[in-house]
Amino acid sequence: MFIAKVIGTTISTIKDEKLTGRKLLILRQTDETGAPSGKPYVAVDTLDAGIGDLVLTAHGSSGRQTAITSNSPVDAVIMAVIDHLEVGGQVVYRHQ
């Protein structure tokens, strides 16, 4: 699993039929405090996340283990929206 921030959306009218009706969001991996630390990538949203949310993502074969993404050509899926992050006893992120 990775922590990532939703930074945008993407629209694709021509895609694999198993992705029809699925929301695709642009994410950027973050460190444990929510600070950006990686390159942007696209993930299937299973939870109605929005821009600015911190989320947990699963990748590879694990990304195809949700009811929505089973047997789909998916490499990354949003599987949780983070309410807050606590590191070393300190809350470093709280969902607004």
N, C-alpha and C. Protein backbone atom coordinates (compact mmCIF):
# COMPACT_ATOMS: atom_id res chain seq x y z
N MET A 1 0.83 -1.18 0.00
CA MET A 1 0.00 0.00 0.00
C MET A 1 0.88 1.24 0.00
N PHE A 2 0.35 2.29 -0.63
CA PHE A 2 1.02 3.58 -0.65
C PHE A 2 0.06 4.66 -0.19
N ILE A 3 0.61 5.72 0.41
CA ILE A 3 -0.15 6.92 0.71
C ILE A 3 0.02 7.84 -0.48
N ALA A 4 -1.09 8.42 -0.95
CA ALA A 4 -1.03 9.33 -2.09
C ALA A 4 -2.05 10.43 -1.92
N LYS A 5 -1.81 11.54 -2.63
CA LYS A 5 -2.75 12.66 -2.62
C LYS A 5 -3.41 12.75 -3.99
N VAL A 6 -4.71 12.95 -3.99
CA VAL A 6 -5.44 13.13 -5.24
C VAL A 6 -5.14 14.54 -5.74
N ILE A 7 -4.57 14.62 -6.96
CA ILE A 7 -4.19 15.93 -7.50
C ILE A 7 -4.97 16.30 -8.76
N GLY A 8 -5.78 15.38 -9.28
CA GLY A 8 -6.54 15.71 -10.48
C GLY A 8 -7.40 14.56 -10.95
N THR A 9 -8.06 14.78 -12.07
CA THR A 9 -8.91 13.76 -12.67
C THR A 9 -8.48 13.54 -14.11
N THR A 10 -8.91 12.43 -14.67
CA THR A 10 -8.66 12.19 -16.08
C THR A 10 -9.91 11.60 -16.71
N ILE A 11 -10.15 11.97 -17.94
CA ILE A 11 -11.32 11.50 -18.68
C ILE A 11 -10.83 10.70 -19.87
N SER A 12 -11.43 9.54 -20.09
CA SER A 12 -11.08 8.71 -21.24
C SER A 12 -12.37 8.12 -21.80
N THR A 13 -12.74 8.54 -22.99
CA THR A 13 -13.98 8.03 -23.58
C THR A 13 -13.76 6.69 -24.29
N ILE A 14 -12.54 6.43 -24.70
CA ILE A 14 -12.23 5.15 -25.34
C ILE A 14 -11.31 4.38 -24.40
N LYS A 15 -11.81 3.25 -23.87
CA LYS A 15 -11.03 2.46 -22.91
C LYS A 15 -11.55 1.05 -22.88
N ASP A 16 -10.85 0.18 -22.19
CA ASP A 16 -11.28 -1.20 -22.01
C ASP A 16 -12.69 -1.20 -21.42
N GLU A 17 -13.55 -2.08 -21.92
CA GLU A 17 -14.94 -2.10 -21.47
C GLU A 17 -15.09 -2.35 -19.97
N LYS A 18 -14.13 -3.01 -19.36
CA LYS A 18 -14.21 -3.27 -17.91
C LYS A 18 -13.97 -2.01 -17.09
N LEU A 19 -13.48 -0.95 -17.73
CA LEU A 19 -13.26 0.32 -17.04
C LEU A 19 -14.38 1.33 -17.30
N THR A 20 -15.33 0.96 -18.12
CA THR A 20 -16.45 1.86 -18.42
C THR A 20 -17.19 2.21 -17.14
N GLY A 21 -17.42 3.50 -16.95
CA GLY A 21 -18.13 3.98 -15.76
C GLY A 21 -17.26 4.13 -14.53
N ARG A 22 -15.98 3.85 -14.64
CA ARG A 22 -15.07 3.97 -13.50
C ARG A 22 -14.40 5.34 -13.50
N LYS A 23 -14.32 5.95 -12.33
CA LYS A 23 -13.66 7.25 -12.18
C LYS A 23 -12.16 7.03 -12.07
N LEU A 24 -11.40 7.76 -12.87
CA LEU A 24 -9.95 7.67 -12.88
C LEU A 24 -9.38 8.96 -12.31
N LEU A 25 -8.58 8.85 -11.27
CA LEU A 25 -8.01 10.02 -10.62
C LEU A 25 -6.49 10.03 -10.77
N ILE A 26 -5.93 11.23 -10.81
CA ILE A 26 -4.48 11.39 -10.86
C ILE A 26 -4.00 11.57 -9.43
N LEU A 27 -3.04 10.74 -9.04
CA LEU A 27 -2.50 10.75 -7.68
C LEU A 27 -1.01 11.05 -7.72
N ARG A 28 -0.52 11.50 -6.58
CA ARG A 28 0.93 11.65 -6.41
C ARG A 28 1.29 11.05 -5.06
N GLN A 29 2.20 10.11 -5.08
CA GLN A 29 2.63 9.46 -3.85
C GLN A 29 3.18 10.48 -2.87
N THR A 30 2.95 10.26 -1.58
CA THR A 30 3.44 11.15 -0.54
C THR A 30 4.23 10.36 0.49
N ASP A 31 4.93 11.09 1.36
CA ASP A 31 5.58 10.43 2.48
C ASP A 31 4.56 10.31 3.62
N GLU A 32 5.02 9.89 4.79
CA GLU A 32 4.11 9.64 5.90
C GLU A 32 3.49 10.91 6.49
N THR A 33 3.98 12.07 6.09
CA THR A 33 3.39 13.32 6.57
C THR A 33 2.45 13.95 5.55
N GLY A 34 2.36 13.32 4.38
CA GLY A 34 1.52 13.86 3.32
C GLY A 34 2.27 14.75 2.35
N ALA A 35 3.58 14.91 2.52
CA ALA A 35 4.39 15.72 1.60
C ALA A 35 4.67 14.93 0.33
N PRO A 36 4.55 15.55 -0.85
CA PRO A 36 4.79 14.84 -2.12
C PRO A 36 6.17 14.19 -2.16
N SER A 37 6.23 12.95 -2.67
CA SER A 37 7.52 12.26 -2.74
C SER A 37 7.67 11.40 -3.99
N GLY A 38 6.71 11.41 -4.87
CA GLY A 38 6.82 10.55 -6.03
C GLY A 38 6.20 11.18 -7.27
N LYS A 39 6.20 10.40 -8.34
CA LYS A 39 5.65 10.86 -9.61
C LYS A 39 4.13 10.66 -9.64
N PRO A 40 3.43 11.48 -10.43
CA PRO A 40 1.99 11.29 -10.59
C PRO A 40 1.68 9.97 -11.31
N TYR A 41 0.53 9.40 -10.97
CA TYR A 41 0.04 8.20 -11.64
C TYR A 41 -1.48 8.19 -11.57
N VAL A 42 -2.11 7.32 -12.34
CA VAL A 42 -3.57 7.23 -12.40
C VAL A 42 -4.03 5.99 -11.65
N ALA A 43 -5.13 6.14 -10.90
CA ALA A 43 -5.71 5.01 -10.17
C ALA A 43 -7.22 5.01 -10.35
N VAL A 44 -7.80 3.83 -10.30
CA VAL A 44 -9.26 3.70 -10.32
C VAL A 44 -9.77 4.03 -8.93
N ASP A 45 -10.79 4.89 -8.88
CA ASP A 45 -11.38 5.30 -7.60
C ASP A 45 -12.58 4.40 -7.29
N THR A 46 -12.51 3.68 -6.18
CA THR A 46 -13.62 2.81 -5.77
C THR A 46 -14.45 3.44 -4.66
N LEU A 47 -14.06 4.65 -4.19
CA LEU A 47 -14.67 5.21 -2.97
C LEU A 47 -15.18 6.63 -3.10
N ASP A 48 -15.16 7.20 -4.29
CA ASP A 48 -15.59 8.59 -4.49
C ASP A 48 -14.67 9.58 -3.77
N ALA A 49 -13.38 9.37 -3.88
CA ALA A 49 -12.39 10.31 -3.33
C ALA A 49 -12.42 11.59 -4.17
N GLY A 50 -11.86 12.66 -3.61
CA GLY A 50 -11.84 13.92 -4.33
C GLY A 50 -10.48 14.58 -4.31
N ILE A 51 -10.33 15.61 -5.12
CA ILE A 51 -9.06 16.35 -5.19
C ILE A 51 -8.71 16.88 -3.80
N GLY A 52 -7.46 16.66 -3.41
CA GLY A 52 -6.96 17.09 -2.11
C GLY A 52 -7.00 16.00 -1.05
N ASP A 53 -7.76 14.93 -1.28
CA ASP A 53 -7.82 13.83 -0.31
C ASP A 53 -6.51 13.06 -0.27
N LEU A 54 -6.14 12.59 0.92
CA LEU A 54 -5.07 11.60 1.04
C LEU A 54 -5.74 10.24 1.04
N VAL A 55 -5.17 9.32 0.30
CA VAL A 55 -5.77 8.00 0.12
C VAL A 55 -4.72 6.91 0.27
N LEU A 56 -5.20 5.68 0.47
CA LEU A 56 -4.34 4.50 0.43
C LEU A 56 -4.61 3.80 -0.88
N THR A 57 -3.54 3.36 -1.53
CA THR A 57 -3.69 2.69 -2.81
C THR A 57 -3.04 1.31 -2.78
N ALA A 58 -3.59 0.41 -3.58
CA ALA A 58 -2.99 -0.91 -3.79
C ALA A 58 -2.56 -0.96 -5.25
N HIS A 59 -1.50 -1.71 -5.53
CA HIS A 59 -0.92 -1.74 -6.87
C HIS A 59 -0.72 -3.16 -7.34
N GLY A 60 -0.59 -3.30 -8.66
CA GLY A 60 -0.33 -4.61 -9.25
C GLY A 60 -1.50 -5.55 -9.05
N SER A 61 -1.20 -6.83 -8.81
CA SER A 61 -2.27 -7.81 -8.66
C SER A 61 -3.16 -7.50 -7.46
N SER A 62 -2.64 -6.86 -6.45
CA SER A 62 -3.46 -6.45 -5.29
C SER A 62 -4.50 -5.42 -5.70
N GLY A 63 -4.20 -4.62 -6.70
CA GLY A 63 -5.15 -3.62 -7.19
C GLY A 63 -6.35 -4.22 -7.88
N ARG A 64 -6.27 -5.50 -8.20
CA ARG A 64 -7.39 -6.18 -8.86
C ARG A 64 -8.17 -7.05 -7.89
N GLN A 65 -8.02 -6.81 -6.59
CA GLN A 65 -8.69 -7.64 -5.60
C GLN A 65 -9.98 -7.04 -5.05
N THR A 66 -10.36 -5.83 -5.49
CA THR A 66 -11.62 -5.26 -5.01
C THR A 66 -12.76 -5.78 -5.87
N ALA A 67 -13.99 -5.66 -5.37
CA ALA A 67 -15.15 -6.11 -6.13
C ALA A 67 -15.28 -5.34 -7.45
N ILE A 68 -14.92 -4.07 -7.44
CA ILE A 68 -15.04 -3.22 -8.63
C ILE A 68 -13.95 -3.51 -9.66
N THR A 69 -12.75 -3.87 -9.22
CA THR A 69 -11.63 -4.02 -10.15
C THR A 69 -11.27 -5.47 -10.47
N SER A 70 -12.00 -6.41 -9.93
CA SER A 70 -11.69 -7.82 -10.18
C SER A 70 -11.67 -8.12 -11.67
N ASN A 71 -10.62 -8.78 -12.12
CA ASN A 71 -10.44 -9.16 -13.52
C ASN A 71 -10.43 -7.98 -14.48
N SER A 72 -9.96 -6.83 -14.01
CA SER A 72 -9.86 -5.64 -14.85
C SER A 72 -8.39 -5.29 -15.09
N PRO A 73 -8.10 -4.57 -16.17
CA PRO A 73 -6.72 -4.17 -16.46
C PRO A 73 -6.31 -2.96 -15.61
N VAL A 74 -6.16 -3.20 -14.32
CA VAL A 74 -5.90 -2.13 -13.36
C VAL A 74 -4.56 -2.37 -12.69
N ASP A 75 -3.77 -1.31 -12.58
CA ASP A 75 -2.49 -1.40 -11.87
C ASP A 75 -2.53 -0.69 -10.53
N ALA A 76 -3.44 0.29 -10.36
CA ALA A 76 -3.54 1.02 -9.10
C ALA A 76 -5.01 1.29 -8.80
N VAL A 77 -5.38 1.14 -7.53
CA VAL A 77 -6.76 1.36 -7.10
C VAL A 77 -6.76 2.09 -5.76
N ILE A 78 -7.67 3.04 -5.62
CA ILE A 78 -7.87 3.72 -4.34
C ILE A 78 -8.77 2.83 -3.50
N MET A 79 -8.27 2.43 -2.32
CA MET A 79 -9.04 1.50 -1.49
C MET A 79 -9.41 2.07 -0.14
N ALA A 80 -8.92 3.27 0.20
CA ALA A 80 -9.28 3.92 1.46
C ALA A 80 -9.00 5.41 1.36
N VAL A 81 -9.88 6.21 1.96
CA VAL A 81 -9.65 7.64 2.13
C VAL A 81 -9.18 7.83 3.57
N ILE A 82 -8.06 8.51 3.75
CA ILE A 82 -7.45 8.66 5.07
C ILE A 82 -8.13 9.77 5.85
N ASP A 83 -8.55 9.46 7.08
CA ASP A 83 -9.14 10.47 7.98
C ASP A 83 -8.05 11.27 8.68
N HIS A 84 -7.05 10.56 9.19
CA HIS A 84 -5.90 11.25 9.77
C HIS A 84 -4.70 10.32 9.81
N LEU A 85 -3.52 10.94 9.84
CA LEU A 85 -2.26 10.21 9.96
C LEU A 85 -1.61 10.60 11.28
N GLU A 86 -1.17 9.60 12.00
CA GLU A 86 -0.46 9.84 13.25
C GLU A 86 0.90 9.17 13.14
N VAL A 87 1.96 9.95 13.33
CA VAL A 87 3.33 9.46 13.24
C VAL A 87 4.07 9.87 14.51
N GLY A 88 4.63 8.91 15.21
CA GLY A 88 5.38 9.20 16.43
C GLY A 88 4.55 9.90 17.49
N GLY A 89 3.26 9.56 17.56
CA GLY A 89 2.40 10.16 18.57
C GLY A 89 1.84 11.54 18.18
N GLN A 90 2.23 12.04 17.01
CA GLN A 90 1.76 13.35 16.54
C GLN A 90 0.83 13.16 15.34
N VAL A 91 -0.29 13.84 15.34
CA VAL A 91 -1.17 13.84 14.16
C VAL A 91 -0.55 14.77 13.13
N VAL A 92 -0.16 14.21 11.99
CA VAL A 92 0.51 15.00 10.95
C VAL A 92 -0.43 15.36 9.81
N TYR A 93 -1.61 14.71 9.78
CA TYR A 93 -2.62 15.04 8.76
C TYR A 93 -3.99 14.74 9.33
N ARG A 94 -4.91 15.64 9.09
CA ARG A 94 -6.31 15.43 9.47
C ARG A 94 -7.17 15.89 8.30
N HIS A 95 -8.08 15.02 7.86
CA HIS A 95 -8.97 15.33 6.74
C HIS A 95 -9.82 16.54 7.11
N GLN A 96 -9.92 17.49 6.21
CA GLN A 96 -10.68 18.73 6.48
C GLN A 96 -12.16 18.50 6.29
